[in-house]
Amino acid sequence: MANTLEEIAEMIEKTKFRRKLLGGVDEADAWRVMHRLVQEYTDRIDADRKTMLREMRADKARIAALEAQLAAQPPPEEPPHG
């Protein structure tokens, strides 16, 4: 699996299609290459989604911990009016 979109772009640039004897590209080969690229993008998106969800859960836990700390603190004293 490609680790970055740049790696996928590099794969695309390096992709060669089989040629037919009378010109053009082999359709089955073109479909195979397209399927592989779609799978690379899908895998990358799934991996990024899992990372974002994990980070979001961690952020929510940190927020909850900070809110609990804040709630446990005594209220600030009012400054004297003078």
C-alpha atoms as a PDB file:
ATOM      1  CA  MET A   1       0.000   0.000   0.000  1.00  0.00           C
ATOM      2  CA  ALA A   2       1.191   3.481  -0.781  1.00  0.00           C
ATOM      3  CA  ASN A   3       1.843   5.558   2.317  1.00  0.00           C
ATOM      4  CA  THR A   4       1.108   8.925   0.735  1.00  0.00           C
ATOM      5  CA  LEU A   5      -0.818  10.404  -2.153  1.00  0.00           C
ATOM      6  CA  GLU A   6       2.559  11.375  -3.608  1.00  0.00           C
ATOM      7  CA  GLU A   7       3.496   7.696  -3.776  1.00  0.00           C
ATOM      8  CA  ILE A   8       0.250   6.965  -5.605  1.00  0.00           C
ATOM      9  CA  ALA A   9       0.980   9.800  -8.038  1.00  0.00           C
ATOM     10  CA  GLU A  10       4.446   8.331  -8.605  1.00  0.00           C
ATOM     11  CA  MET A  11       2.852   4.931  -9.308  1.00  0.00           C
ATOM     12  CA  ILE A  12       0.600   6.570 -11.901  1.00  0.00           C
ATOM     13  CA  GLU A  13       3.550   8.267 -13.578  1.00  0.00           C
ATOM     14  CA  LYS A  14       5.473   4.985 -13.764  1.00  0.00           C
ATOM     15  CA  THR A  15       2.509   2.946 -15.020  1.00  0.00           C
ATOM     16  CA  LYS A  16       2.947   1.388 -18.432  1.00  0.00           C
ATOM     17  CA  PHE A  17       0.100  -0.189 -20.360  1.00  0.00           C
ATOM     18  CA  ARG A  18       0.429  -3.245 -22.572  1.00  0.00           C
ATOM     19  CA  ARG A  19       0.039  -2.337 -26.215  1.00  0.00           C
ATOM     20  CA  LYS A  20      -2.079  -4.167 -28.724  1.00  0.00           C
ATOM     21  CA  LEU A  21      -0.526  -5.406 -31.914  1.00  0.00           C
ATOM     22  CA  LEU A  22      -2.597  -3.029 -34.052  1.00  0.00           C
ATOM     23  CA  GLY A  23      -2.270   0.014 -31.809  1.00  0.00           C
ATOM     24  CA  GLY A  24      -3.875   1.228 -28.660  1.00  0.00           C
ATOM     25  CA  VAL A  25      -3.695  -0.341 -25.236  1.00  0.00           C
ATOM     26  CA  ASP A  26      -4.901  -3.696 -24.017  1.00  0.00           C
ATOM     27  CA  GLU A  27      -8.305  -2.998 -22.460  1.00  0.00           C
ATOM     28  CA  ALA A  28      -8.039  -5.775 -19.866  1.00  0.00           C
ATOM     29  CA  ASP A  29      -4.646  -4.438 -18.783  1.00  0.00           C
ATOM     30  CA  ALA A  30      -6.021  -0.896 -18.550  1.00  0.00           C
ATOM     31  CA  TRP A  31      -8.870  -2.105 -16.324  1.00  0.00           C
ATOM     32  CA  ARG A  32      -6.395  -4.050 -14.161  1.00  0.00           C
ATOM     33  CA  VAL A  33      -4.270  -0.933 -13.683  1.00  0.00           C
ATOM     34  CA  MET A  34      -7.322   1.216 -12.898  1.00  0.00           C
ATOM     35  CA  HIS A  35      -8.544  -1.343 -10.358  1.00  0.00           C
ATOM     36  CA  ARG A  36      -5.116  -1.356  -8.678  1.00  0.00           C
ATOM     37  CA  LEU A  37      -5.104   2.465  -8.472  1.00  0.00           C
ATOM     38  CA  VAL A  38      -8.626   2.580  -7.056  1.00  0.00           C
ATOM     39  CA  GLN A  39      -7.569   0.023  -4.437  1.00  0.00           C
ATOM     40  CA  GLU A  40      -4.512   2.118  -3.519  1.00  0.00           C
ATOM     41  CA  TYR A  41      -6.667   5.236  -3.071  1.00  0.00           C
ATOM     42  CA  THR A  42      -9.271   3.288  -1.090  1.00  0.00           C
ATOM     43  CA  ASP A  43      -6.631   1.770   1.193  1.00  0.00           C
ATOM     44  CA  ARG A  44      -5.009   5.179   1.761  1.00  0.00           C
ATOM     45  CA  ILE A  45      -8.369   6.824   2.529  1.00  0.00           C
ATOM     46  CA  ASP A  46      -9.309   3.995   4.948  1.00  0.00           C
ATOM     47  CA  ALA A  47      -5.967   4.268   6.738  1.00  0.00           C
ATOM     48  CA  ASP A  48      -6.279   8.059   7.008  1.00  0.00           C
ATOM     49  CA  ARG A  49      -9.850   7.724   8.293  1.00  0.00           C
ATOM     50  CA  LYS A  50      -8.761   5.279  11.014  1.00  0.00           C
ATOM     51  CA  THR A  51      -5.953   7.620  12.055  1.00  0.00           C
ATOM     52  CA  MET A  52      -8.297  10.619  12.210  1.00  0.00           C
ATOM     53  CA  LEU A  53     -10.879   8.696  14.257  1.00  0.00           C
ATOM     54  CA  ARG A  54      -8.185   7.530  16.698  1.00  0.00           C
ATOM     55  CA  GLU A  55      -6.871  11.092  17.046  1.00  0.00           C
ATOM     56  CA  MET A  56     -10.403  12.450  17.470  1.00  0.00           C
ATOM     57  CA  ARG A  57     -11.112   9.978  20.297  1.00  0.00           C
ATOM     58  CA  ALA A  58      -7.839  10.939  21.986  1.00  0.00           C
ATOM     59  CA  ASP A  59      -8.688  14.645  21.630  1.00  0.00           C
ATOM     60  CA  LYS A  60     -12.145  14.088  23.130  1.00  0.00           C
ATOM     61  CA  ALA A  61     -10.590  12.231  26.069  1.00  0.00           C
ATOM     62  CA  ARG A  62      -8.114  15.101  26.628  1.00  0.00           C
ATOM     63  CA  ILE A  63     -10.945  17.641  26.477  1.00  0.00           C
ATOM     64  CA  ALA A  64     -12.992  15.640  28.993  1.00  0.00           C
ATOM     65  CA  ALA A  65      -9.989  15.410  31.342  1.00  0.00           C
ATOM     66  CA  LEU A  66      -9.353  19.166  31.098  1.00  0.00           C
ATOM     67  CA  GLU A  67     -13.044  19.927  31.661  1.00  0.00           C
ATOM     68  CA  ALA A  68     -12.990  17.693  34.761  1.00  0.00           C
ATOM     69  CA  GLN A  69      -9.887  19.519  36.059  1.00  0.00           C
ATOM     70  CA  LEU A  70     -11.548  22.856  35.444  1.00  0.00           C
ATOM     71  CA  ALA A  71     -14.749  21.778  37.170  1.00  0.00           C
ATOM     72  CA  ALA A  72     -12.764  20.613  40.220  1.00  0.00           C
ATOM     73  CA  GLN A  73     -11.058  23.983  40.687  1.00  0.00           C
ATOM     74  CA  PRO A  74     -12.622  26.465  43.084  1.00  0.00           C
ATOM     75  CA  PRO A  75     -14.156  29.498  41.411  1.00  0.00           C
ATOM     76  CA  PRO A  76     -11.826  32.493  41.074  1.00  0.00           C
ATOM     77  CA  GLU A  77     -12.104  35.165  43.744  1.00  0.00           C
ATOM     78  CA  GLU A  78     -13.690  38.453  42.843  1.00  0.00           C
ATOM     79  CA  PRO A  79     -11.238  41.371  42.882  1.00  0.00           C
ATOM     80  CA  PRO A  80     -12.056  43.976  45.520  1.00  0.00           C
ATOM     81  CA  HIS A  81     -14.128  46.856  44.241  1.00  0.00           C
ATOM     82  CA  GLY A  82     -12.562  50.062  45.109  1.00  0.00           C
END
